[in-house]
Amino acid sequence: MPWEKTAADRERDKATYGDPEYRRNRPLAMQRAGGQCEHHDNGRRCGSTDHVSVDHITPVSQGGTHHLDNLSVKCARHHRQKTAQEGRGYRRKGPRPPRKDPPVEPRTQW
């Protein structure tokens, strides 16, 4: 179950992704990559076009900028891998919030 964004999360996203430098450089990064994943593994470029997105190499939460040199195009698979390695960047730490509906008790077999 994914985290639900708080008002603070939405404000941070608005400040990050609404930034004029990011909005200017995002299409340039996509154009540079030709709409393909720029992830390299063993000297080979992934090149996938599966749900590509622009990613910050050094996350903004860790001091990264919106400069074109800090933007990379990643497919969904490689973006998830990178995010997991980063420890989810700014994500909240600690226990997950309780589920909204408690799980249903399994029925016992007779």
C-alpha atoms as a PDB file:
ATOM      1  CA  MET A   1       0.000   0.000   0.000  1.00  0.00           C
ATOM      2  CA  PRO A   2       1.628   3.288  -1.060  1.00  0.00           C
ATOM      3  CA  TRP A   3       1.999   6.230   1.249  1.00  0.00           C
ATOM      4  CA  GLU A   4      -0.685   8.835   0.981  1.00  0.00           C
ATOM      5  CA  LYS A   5       0.637  12.305   0.286  1.00  0.00           C
ATOM      6  CA  THR A   6       0.137  14.894   2.972  1.00  0.00           C
ATOM      7  CA  ALA A   7      -0.433  18.595   2.384  1.00  0.00           C
ATOM      8  CA  ALA A   8       3.287  19.137   3.047  1.00  0.00           C
ATOM      9  CA  ASP A   9       4.161  16.521   0.394  1.00  0.00           C
ATOM     10  CA  ARG A  10       1.928  18.243  -2.150  1.00  0.00           C
ATOM     11  CA  GLU A  11       3.455  21.652  -1.388  1.00  0.00           C
ATOM     12  CA  ARG A  12       6.979  20.244  -1.751  1.00  0.00           C
ATOM     13  CA  ASP A  13       6.036  18.627  -5.081  1.00  0.00           C
ATOM     14  CA  LYS A  14       4.508  21.885  -6.291  1.00  0.00           C
ATOM     15  CA  ALA A  15       7.684  23.782  -5.377  1.00  0.00           C
ATOM     16  CA  THR A  16       9.909  21.144  -7.020  1.00  0.00           C
ATOM     17  CA  TYR A  17       8.033  20.316 -10.205  1.00  0.00           C
ATOM     18  CA  GLY A  18       6.555  23.782 -10.695  1.00  0.00           C
ATOM     19  CA  ASP A  19      10.018  25.365 -10.651  1.00  0.00           C
ATOM     20  CA  PRO A  20      10.655  27.280 -13.917  1.00  0.00           C
ATOM     21  CA  GLU A  21      14.125  25.736 -14.367  1.00  0.00           C
ATOM     22  CA  TYR A  22      12.702  22.205 -14.047  1.00  0.00           C
ATOM     23  CA  ARG A  23       9.834  22.982 -16.426  1.00  0.00           C
ATOM     24  CA  ARG A  24      12.339  24.365 -18.960  1.00  0.00           C
ATOM     25  CA  ASN A  25      14.872  21.517 -18.672  1.00  0.00           C
ATOM     26  CA  ARG A  26      12.485  18.546 -18.434  1.00  0.00           C
ATOM     27  CA  PRO A  27      11.557  18.506 -22.164  1.00  0.00           C
ATOM     28  CA  LEU A  28      15.223  19.098 -23.068  1.00  0.00           C
ATOM     29  CA  ALA A  29      16.237  15.997 -21.089  1.00  0.00           C
ATOM     30  CA  MET A  30      13.517  13.973 -22.803  1.00  0.00           C
ATOM     31  CA  GLN A  31      14.655  15.270 -26.207  1.00  0.00           C
ATOM     32  CA  ARG A  32      18.307  14.471 -25.404  1.00  0.00           C
ATOM     33  CA  ALA A  33      17.324  10.878 -24.555  1.00  0.00           C
ATOM     34  CA  GLY A  34      15.075  10.489 -27.575  1.00  0.00           C
ATOM     35  CA  GLY A  35      12.253   9.398 -25.268  1.00  0.00           C
ATOM     36  CA  GLN A  36      14.239   6.313 -24.198  1.00  0.00           C
ATOM     37  CA  CYS A  37      15.598   5.178 -20.839  1.00  0.00           C
ATOM     38  CA  GLU A  38      19.175   6.403 -20.318  1.00  0.00           C
ATOM     39  CA  HIS A  39      20.055   3.754 -17.721  1.00  0.00           C
ATOM     40  CA  HIS A  40      23.333   1.978 -18.509  1.00  0.00           C
ATOM     41  CA  ASP A  41      24.117  -1.530 -17.285  1.00  0.00           C
ATOM     42  CA  ASN A  42      27.336  -3.332 -18.215  1.00  0.00           C
ATOM     43  CA  GLY A  43      28.045  -0.696 -20.856  1.00  0.00           C
ATOM     44  CA  ARG A  44      24.690  -1.134 -22.583  1.00  0.00           C
ATOM     45  CA  ARG A  45      21.920   1.444 -22.614  1.00  0.00           C
ATOM     46  CA  CYS A  46      18.451   0.204 -21.632  1.00  0.00           C
ATOM     47  CA  GLY A  47      16.650   2.189 -24.340  1.00  0.00           C
ATOM     48  CA  SER A  48      13.174   1.165 -23.144  1.00  0.00           C
ATOM     49  CA  THR A  49      10.277   3.484 -23.902  1.00  0.00           C
ATOM     50  CA  ASP A  50       8.067   1.857 -21.229  1.00  0.00           C
ATOM     51  CA  HIS A  51       6.595   4.636 -19.051  1.00  0.00           C
ATOM     52  CA  VAL A  52       9.653   6.892 -19.199  1.00  0.00           C
ATOM     53  CA  SER A  53       9.943   9.827 -16.816  1.00  0.00           C
ATOM     54  CA  VAL A  54      12.509  12.472 -16.009  1.00  0.00           C
ATOM     55  CA  ASP A  55      14.396  11.733 -12.796  1.00  0.00           C
ATOM     56  CA  HIS A  56      16.791  13.809 -10.716  1.00  0.00           C
ATOM     57  CA  ILE A  57      20.167  12.024 -10.518  1.00  0.00           C
ATOM     58  CA  THR A  58      20.831  13.663  -7.156  1.00  0.00           C
ATOM     59  CA  PRO A  59      17.413  14.182  -5.536  1.00  0.00           C
ATOM     60  CA  VAL A  60      16.354  17.733  -4.755  1.00  0.00           C
ATOM     61  CA  SER A  61      15.778  16.585  -1.164  1.00  0.00           C
ATOM     62  CA  GLN A  62      19.488  15.741  -0.989  1.00  0.00           C
ATOM     63  CA  GLY A  63      20.742  18.991  -2.519  1.00  0.00           C
ATOM     64  CA  GLY A  64      20.278  18.215  -6.229  1.00  0.00           C
ATOM     65  CA  THR A  65      19.342  20.901  -8.728  1.00  0.00           C
ATOM     66  CA  HIS A  66      17.059  21.111 -11.746  1.00  0.00           C
ATOM     67  CA  HIS A  67      20.075  21.634 -14.031  1.00  0.00           C
ATOM     68  CA  LEU A  68      20.018  19.556 -17.223  1.00  0.00           C
ATOM     69  CA  ASP A  69      23.160  17.698 -16.084  1.00  0.00           C
ATOM     70  CA  ASN A  70      21.230  16.453 -13.029  1.00  0.00           C
ATOM     71  CA  LEU A  71      18.241  15.145 -15.009  1.00  0.00           C
ATOM     72  CA  SER A  72      18.039  11.653 -16.452  1.00  0.00           C
ATOM     73  CA  VAL A  73      15.289   9.817 -18.333  1.00  0.00           C
ATOM     74  CA  LYS A  74      14.379   6.475 -16.734  1.00  0.00           C
ATOM     75  CA  CYS A  75      11.881   3.751 -17.595  1.00  0.00           C
ATOM     76  CA  ALA A  76       9.505   2.673 -14.832  1.00  0.00           C
ATOM     77  CA  ARG A  77      11.658  -0.348 -13.895  1.00  0.00           C
ATOM     78  CA  HIS A  78      14.931   1.558 -13.530  1.00  0.00           C
ATOM     79  CA  HIS A  79      13.241   4.500 -11.794  1.00  0.00           C
ATOM     80  CA  ARG A  80      11.846   2.116  -9.134  1.00  0.00           C
ATOM     81  CA  GLN A  81      15.299   0.539  -8.684  1.00  0.00           C
ATOM     82  CA  LYS A  82      16.989   3.916  -8.247  1.00  0.00           C
ATOM     83  CA  THR A  83      14.330   5.167  -5.831  1.00  0.00           C
ATOM     84  CA  ALA A  84      14.699   2.013  -3.718  1.00  0.00           C
ATOM     85  CA  GLN A  85      18.481   2.482  -3.588  1.00  0.00           C
ATOM     86  CA  GLU A  86      18.041   6.101  -2.464  1.00  0.00           C
ATOM     87  CA  GLY A  87      15.884   5.069   0.447  1.00  0.00           C
ATOM     88  CA  ARG A  88      12.920   6.918  -1.070  1.00  0.00           C
ATOM     89  CA  GLY A  89      14.512  10.365  -0.753  1.00  0.00           C
ATOM     90  CA  TYR A  90      12.281  12.615   1.331  1.00  0.00           C
ATOM     91  CA  ARG A  91       9.735   9.932   2.234  1.00  0.00           C
ATOM     92  CA  ARG A  92       8.575   9.734   5.803  1.00  0.00           C
ATOM     93  CA  LYS A  93      10.390   7.323   8.055  1.00  0.00           C
ATOM     94  CA  GLY A  94       8.857   5.096  10.688  1.00  0.00           C
ATOM     95  CA  PRO A  95       5.904   2.766  10.756  1.00  0.00           C
ATOM     96  CA  ARG A  96       3.326   2.856   8.009  1.00  0.00           C
ATOM     97  CA  PRO A  97       0.052   4.558   8.838  1.00  0.00           C
ATOM     98  CA  PRO A  98      -2.784   2.192   9.761  1.00  0.00           C
ATOM     99  CA  ARG A  99      -4.898   0.857   6.928  1.00  0.00           C
ATOM    100  CA  LYS A 100      -8.239   2.534   6.450  1.00  0.00           C
ATOM    101  CA  ASP A 101     -10.200  -0.699   6.435  1.00  0.00           C
ATOM    102  CA  PRO A 102      -8.919  -3.513   8.577  1.00  0.00           C
ATOM    103  CA  PRO A 103      -8.240  -6.773   6.758  1.00  0.00           C
ATOM    104  CA  VAL A 104     -11.057  -9.293   6.763  1.00  0.00           C
ATOM    105  CA  GLU A 105     -10.527 -12.284   9.035  1.00  0.00           C
ATOM    106  CA  PRO A 106     -10.131 -15.485   7.042  1.00  0.00           C
ATOM    107  CA  ARG A 107     -12.931 -17.993   7.406  1.00  0.00           C
ATOM    108  CA  THR A 108     -12.153 -21.209   9.159  1.00  0.00           C
ATOM    109  CA  GLN A 109     -12.835 -24.407   7.303  1.00  0.00           C
ATOM    110  CA  TRP A 110     -15.184 -26.899   8.898  1.00  0.00           C
END
